[in-house]
Amino acid sequence: MIGERTLAQARELLDLLAAAHLTVATAESCTGGLIAASLTHHAGSSASVLGGAVTYSNPMKHELLGVGMELFDRMGAVSSEVAAAMAEGALARSGADLAVSTTGIAGPGGGSPDKPVGLVWFGVSARGAPTRTRSMVLPGDRATIREAAVREALTMLRQAAVEAFPRR
């Protein structure tokens, strides 16, 4: 379930995107489509949301988003490099102005000392701007981690929209 705070943040982002005539696509792993769901919860979202891909497995990240299989071997699925490649693939394949990605470990299992439960990597790509990545270790249970990741992804999208398209 997506909380009211997250839905309100998504509404604010949609208003910004619509006013600037910008479009967005999502590439989600650990958030399982919740970013897209928070945006498309709102009527009129189709003016800005082109679509998204939920790519939980590495082969799906490769097939749908073009993430190189060598990245998984070298860096692991939960990495800056994979988050960047996911966002770039979503941007290229969708034709959107902006794209966001998430890859992480929502738990309760699957963590390691190097990559603990709660680690999420985010990627944001905007046409004509360098891709940015960021990681956070989010506390809580699976639902709490996933919702916090959605809020951070929405924040990063807003920031990228304002920075990459300041005159719109």
C-alpha atoms as a PDB file:
ATOM      1  CA  MET A   1       0.000   0.000   0.000  1.00  0.00           C
ATOM      2  CA  ILE A   2       1.192   3.501  -0.790  1.00  0.00           C
ATOM      3  CA  GLY A   3       0.800   6.075   1.961  1.00  0.00           C
ATOM      4  CA  GLU A   4      -0.878   9.460   1.643  1.00  0.00           C
ATOM      5  CA  ARG A   5       2.407  11.318   2.091  1.00  0.00           C
ATOM      6  CA  THR A   6       3.924   9.464  -0.857  1.00  0.00           C
ATOM      7  CA  LEU A   7       0.837   9.985  -3.007  1.00  0.00           C
ATOM      8  CA  ALA A   8       0.893  13.720  -2.239  1.00  0.00           C
ATOM      9  CA  GLN A   9       4.547  13.891  -3.236  1.00  0.00           C
ATOM     10  CA  ALA A  10       3.734  12.070  -6.483  1.00  0.00           C
ATOM     11  CA  ARG A  11       0.907  14.556  -7.192  1.00  0.00           C
ATOM     12  CA  GLU A  12       3.293  17.491  -6.715  1.00  0.00           C
ATOM     13  CA  LEU A  13       5.792  15.926  -9.102  1.00  0.00           C
ATOM     14  CA  LEU A  14       3.085  15.288 -11.695  1.00  0.00           C
ATOM     15  CA  ASP A  15       1.987  18.922 -11.475  1.00  0.00           C
ATOM     16  CA  LEU A  16       5.570  20.052 -12.081  1.00  0.00           C
ATOM     17  CA  LEU A  17       6.027  17.642 -14.989  1.00  0.00           C
ATOM     18  CA  ALA A  18       2.738  18.663 -16.601  1.00  0.00           C
ATOM     19  CA  ALA A  19       3.493  22.375 -16.276  1.00  0.00           C
ATOM     20  CA  ALA A  20       6.891  21.827 -17.899  1.00  0.00           C
ATOM     21  CA  HIS A  21       5.529  19.411 -20.553  1.00  0.00           C
ATOM     22  CA  LEU A  22       7.937  16.712 -19.397  1.00  0.00           C
ATOM     23  CA  THR A  23       7.529  12.957 -19.487  1.00  0.00           C
ATOM     24  CA  VAL A  24       8.893  10.229 -17.235  1.00  0.00           C
ATOM     25  CA  ALA A  25       9.567   6.490 -17.291  1.00  0.00           C
ATOM     26  CA  THR A  26      10.490   4.130 -14.462  1.00  0.00           C
ATOM     27  CA  ALA A  27      12.777   1.111 -14.170  1.00  0.00           C
ATOM     28  CA  GLU A  28      12.136  -0.646 -10.875  1.00  0.00           C
ATOM     29  CA  SER A  29      13.535  -3.639  -9.117  1.00  0.00           C
ATOM     30  CA  CYS A  30      13.193  -3.503  -5.329  1.00  0.00           C
ATOM     31  CA  THR A  31      10.260  -1.071  -5.474  1.00  0.00           C
ATOM     32  CA  GLY A  32       8.336  -3.491  -7.675  1.00  0.00           C
ATOM     33  CA  GLY A  33       6.358  -0.874  -9.595  1.00  0.00           C
ATOM     34  CA  LEU A  34       5.448   1.313  -6.628  1.00  0.00           C
ATOM     35  CA  ILE A  35       6.992   4.439  -8.172  1.00  0.00           C
ATOM     36  CA  ALA A  36       4.847   4.038 -11.267  1.00  0.00           C
ATOM     37  CA  ALA A  37       1.847   3.141  -9.096  1.00  0.00           C
ATOM     38  CA  SER A  38       2.254   6.269  -6.970  1.00  0.00           C
ATOM     39  CA  LEU A  39       2.304   8.419 -10.094  1.00  0.00           C
ATOM     40  CA  THR A  40      -0.488   6.671 -11.976  1.00  0.00           C
ATOM     41  CA  HIS A  41      -2.699   6.696  -8.885  1.00  0.00           C
ATOM     42  CA  HIS A  42      -3.627  10.219  -9.957  1.00  0.00           C
ATOM     43  CA  ALA A  43      -6.061  11.043 -12.747  1.00  0.00           C
ATOM     44  CA  GLY A  44      -4.361  12.742 -15.662  1.00  0.00           C
ATOM     45  CA  SER A  45      -1.009  11.077 -15.022  1.00  0.00           C
ATOM     46  CA  SER A  46      -0.913   9.775 -18.598  1.00  0.00           C
ATOM     47  CA  ALA A  47       0.061  13.284 -19.708  1.00  0.00           C
ATOM     48  CA  SER A  48       3.450  12.774 -18.060  1.00  0.00           C
ATOM     49  CA  VAL A  49       3.965   9.068 -17.322  1.00  0.00           C
ATOM     50  CA  LEU A  50       4.947   7.069 -20.392  1.00  0.00           C
ATOM     51  CA  GLY A  51       5.402   3.752 -18.614  1.00  0.00           C
ATOM     52  CA  GLY A  52       7.717   1.620 -16.604  1.00  0.00           C
ATOM     53  CA  ALA A  53       9.412  -1.716 -16.289  1.00  0.00           C
ATOM     54  CA  VAL A  54       9.559  -3.922 -13.217  1.00  0.00           C
ATOM     55  CA  THR A  55      12.756  -5.879 -13.727  1.00  0.00           C
ATOM     56  CA  TYR A  56      13.424  -8.060 -10.734  1.00  0.00           C
ATOM     57  CA  SER A  57      15.758 -10.543 -12.400  1.00  0.00           C
ATOM     58  CA  ASN A  58      19.071  -9.757 -14.045  1.00  0.00           C
ATOM     59  CA  PRO A  59      17.986 -11.297 -17.373  1.00  0.00           C
ATOM     60  CA  MET A  60      14.953  -8.973 -17.414  1.00  0.00           C
ATOM     61  CA  LYS A  61      17.152  -5.966 -16.633  1.00  0.00           C
ATOM     62  CA  HIS A  62      19.259  -7.027 -19.605  1.00  0.00           C
ATOM     63  CA  GLU A  63      16.404  -7.806 -22.004  1.00  0.00           C
ATOM     64  CA  LEU A  64      14.064  -4.898 -21.239  1.00  0.00           C
ATOM     65  CA  LEU A  65      16.527  -2.167 -20.282  1.00  0.00           C
ATOM     66  CA  GLY A  66      19.740  -3.181 -22.034  1.00  0.00           C
ATOM     67  CA  VAL A  67      21.823  -3.543 -18.864  1.00  0.00           C
ATOM     68  CA  GLY A  68      25.026  -5.335 -19.823  1.00  0.00           C
ATOM     69  CA  MET A  69      25.322  -8.798 -18.295  1.00  0.00           C
ATOM     70  CA  GLU A  70      28.974  -8.082 -17.465  1.00  0.00           C
ATOM     71  CA  LEU A  71      27.844  -5.428 -14.964  1.00  0.00           C
ATOM     72  CA  PHE A  72      26.094  -8.055 -12.873  1.00  0.00           C
ATOM     73  CA  ASP A  73      29.245 -10.168 -12.785  1.00  0.00           C
ATOM     74  CA  ARG A  74      31.548  -7.254 -11.989  1.00  0.00           C
ATOM     75  CA  MET A  75      29.415  -5.055  -9.731  1.00  0.00           C
ATOM     76  CA  GLY A  76      26.334  -7.028  -8.726  1.00  0.00           C
ATOM     77  CA  ALA A  77      22.723  -6.075  -9.380  1.00  0.00           C
ATOM     78  CA  VAL A  78      22.655  -3.735  -6.394  1.00  0.00           C
ATOM     79  CA  SER A  79      25.215  -1.167  -7.526  1.00  0.00           C
ATOM     80  CA  SER A  80      25.634   2.341  -8.836  1.00  0.00           C
ATOM     81  CA  GLU A  81      26.542   1.020 -12.267  1.00  0.00           C
ATOM     82  CA  VAL A  82      23.414  -1.106 -12.613  1.00  0.00           C
ATOM     83  CA  ALA A  83      21.167   1.701 -11.308  1.00  0.00           C
ATOM     84  CA  ALA A  84      22.670   4.059 -13.901  1.00  0.00           C
ATOM     85  CA  ALA A  85      22.296   1.527 -16.717  1.00  0.00           C
ATOM     86  CA  MET A  86      18.677   0.856 -15.737  1.00  0.00           C
ATOM     87  CA  ALA A  87      17.789   4.561 -15.787  1.00  0.00           C
ATOM     88  CA  GLU A  88      19.634   5.116 -19.062  1.00  0.00           C
ATOM     89  CA  GLY A  89      17.919   2.103 -20.624  1.00  0.00           C
ATOM     90  CA  ALA A  90      14.487   3.316 -19.539  1.00  0.00           C
ATOM     91  CA  LEU A  91      15.210   6.775 -20.918  1.00  0.00           C
ATOM     92  CA  ALA A  92      16.467   5.461 -24.259  1.00  0.00           C
ATOM     93  CA  ARG A  93      13.758   2.862 -24.756  1.00  0.00           C
ATOM     94  CA  SER A  94      10.812   5.007 -23.657  1.00  0.00           C
ATOM     95  CA  GLY A  95      11.591   8.321 -25.306  1.00  0.00           C
ATOM     96  CA  ALA A  96      10.799  10.082 -22.016  1.00  0.00           C
ATOM     97  CA  ASP A  97      12.498  13.254 -20.836  1.00  0.00           C
ATOM     98  CA  LEU A  98      13.366  11.717 -17.449  1.00  0.00           C
ATOM     99  CA  ALA A  99      13.794   8.229 -16.073  1.00  0.00           C
ATOM    100  CA  VAL A 100      14.358   6.843 -12.598  1.00  0.00           C
ATOM    101  CA  SER A 101      15.568   3.448 -11.438  1.00  0.00           C
ATOM    102  CA  THR A 102      15.784   1.514  -8.201  1.00  0.00           C
ATOM    103  CA  THR A 103      17.742  -1.595  -7.340  1.00  0.00           C
ATOM    104  CA  GLY A 104      18.233  -2.795  -3.813  1.00  0.00           C
ATOM    105  CA  ILE A 105      17.645  -5.225  -0.999  1.00  0.00           C
ATOM    106  CA  ALA A 106      14.266  -4.709   0.648  1.00  0.00           C
ATOM    107  CA  GLY A 107      14.565  -7.766   2.891  1.00  0.00           C
ATOM    108  CA  PRO A 108      13.903  -9.355   5.156  1.00  0.00           C
ATOM    109  CA  GLY A 109      16.659 -11.614   3.783  1.00  0.00           C
ATOM    110  CA  GLY A 110      19.238 -11.254   1.053  1.00  0.00           C
ATOM    111  CA  GLY A 111      21.588  -8.835   2.765  1.00  0.00           C
ATOM    112  CA  SER A 112      25.302  -9.203   3.350  1.00  0.00           C
ATOM    113  CA  PRO A 113      27.926  -7.212   5.259  1.00  0.00           C
ATOM    114  CA  ASP A 114      28.793  -5.306   2.066  1.00  0.00           C
ATOM    115  CA  LYS A 115      25.188  -4.934   0.910  1.00  0.00           C
ATOM    116  CA  PRO A 116      22.865  -4.899   3.920  1.00  0.00           C
ATOM    117  CA  VAL A 117      19.100  -5.166   3.923  1.00  0.00           C
ATOM    118  CA  GLY A 118      17.802  -1.668   3.238  1.00  0.00           C
ATOM    119  CA  LEU A 119      20.515  -0.743   0.709  1.00  0.00           C
ATOM    120  CA  VAL A 120      18.944   0.890  -2.334  1.00  0.00           C
ATOM    121  CA  TRP A 121      20.702   2.377  -5.334  1.00  0.00           C
ATOM    122  CA  PHE A 122      18.826   5.005  -7.334  1.00  0.00           C
ATOM    123  CA  GLY A 123      19.547   6.247 -10.843  1.00  0.00           C
ATOM    124  CA  VAL A 124      18.096   9.287 -12.590  1.00  0.00           C
ATOM    125  CA  SER A 125      18.622  10.152 -16.241  1.00  0.00           C
ATOM    126  CA  ALA A 126      17.456  13.287 -18.000  1.00  0.00           C
ATOM    127  CA  ARG A 127      17.813  14.083 -21.677  1.00  0.00           C
ATOM    128  CA  GLY A 128      20.994  16.075 -22.214  1.00  0.00           C
ATOM    129  CA  ALA A 129      22.253  15.679 -18.637  1.00  0.00           C
ATOM    130  CA  PRO A 130      24.605  13.188 -17.000  1.00  0.00           C
ATOM    131  CA  THR A 131      23.035  10.267 -15.185  1.00  0.00           C
ATOM    132  CA  ARG A 132      23.169  10.535 -11.410  1.00  0.00           C
ATOM    133  CA  THR A 133      23.171   7.729  -8.891  1.00  0.00           C
ATOM    134  CA  ARG A 134      22.829   7.681  -5.160  1.00  0.00           C
ATOM    135  CA  SER A 135      22.593   5.022  -2.493  1.00  0.00           C
ATOM    136  CA  MET A 136      20.871   4.930   0.858  1.00  0.00           C
ATOM    137  CA  VAL A 137      20.529   2.336   3.574  1.00  0.00           C
ATOM    138  CA  LEU A 138      16.913   2.635   4.631  1.00  0.00           C
ATOM    139  CA  PRO A 139      15.769   1.318   7.999  1.00  0.00           C
ATOM    140  CA  GLY A 140      12.658  -0.714   8.696  1.00  0.00           C
ATOM    141  CA  ASP A 141      10.788  -3.685   7.376  1.00  0.00           C
ATOM    142  CA  ARG A 142      10.231  -4.503   3.709  1.00  0.00           C
ATOM    143  CA  ALA A 143       7.181  -2.260   3.277  1.00  0.00           C
ATOM    144  CA  THR A 144       8.859   0.674   5.038  1.00  0.00           C
ATOM    145  CA  ILE A 145      12.043   0.333   2.975  1.00  0.00           C
ATOM    146  CA  ARG A 146      10.128   0.173  -0.295  1.00  0.00           C
ATOM    147  CA  GLU A 147       7.957   3.205   0.489  1.00  0.00           C
ATOM    148  CA  ALA A 148      10.965   5.251   1.621  1.00  0.00           C
ATOM    149  CA  ALA A 149      12.687   4.288  -1.637  1.00  0.00           C
ATOM    150  CA  VAL A 150       9.692   5.506  -3.637  1.00  0.00           C
ATOM    151  CA  ARG A 151       9.775   8.866  -1.840  1.00  0.00           C
ATOM    152  CA  GLU A 152      13.495   9.244  -2.524  1.00  0.00           C
ATOM    153  CA  ALA A 153      13.013   8.354  -6.194  1.00  0.00           C
ATOM    154  CA  LEU A 154      10.269  10.985  -6.496  1.00  0.00           C
ATOM    155  CA  THR A 155      12.549  13.545  -4.831  1.00  0.00           C
ATOM    156  CA  MET A 156      15.371  12.739  -7.231  1.00  0.00           C
ATOM    157  CA  LEU A 157      13.033  13.006 -10.226  1.00  0.00           C
ATOM    158  CA  ARG A 158      11.840  16.424  -9.087  1.00  0.00           C
ATOM    159  CA  GLN A 159      15.397  17.631  -8.608  1.00  0.00           C
ATOM    160  CA  ALA A 160      16.450  16.325 -12.031  1.00  0.00           C
ATOM    161  CA  ALA A 161      13.446  17.968 -13.707  1.00  0.00           C
ATOM    162  CA  VAL A 162      14.222  21.340 -12.179  1.00  0.00           C
ATOM    163  CA  GLU A 163      17.945  21.139 -12.947  1.00  0.00           C
ATOM    164  CA  ALA A 164      17.823  19.630 -16.429  1.00  0.00           C
ATOM    165  CA  PHE A 165      14.899  21.666 -17.717  1.00  0.00           C
ATOM    166  CA  PRO A 166      15.068  24.983 -15.805  1.00  0.00           C
ATOM    167  CA  ARG A 167      13.308  27.127 -18.408  1.00  0.00           C
ATOM    168  CA  ARG A 168      10.319  24.900 -18.947  1.00  0.00           C
END
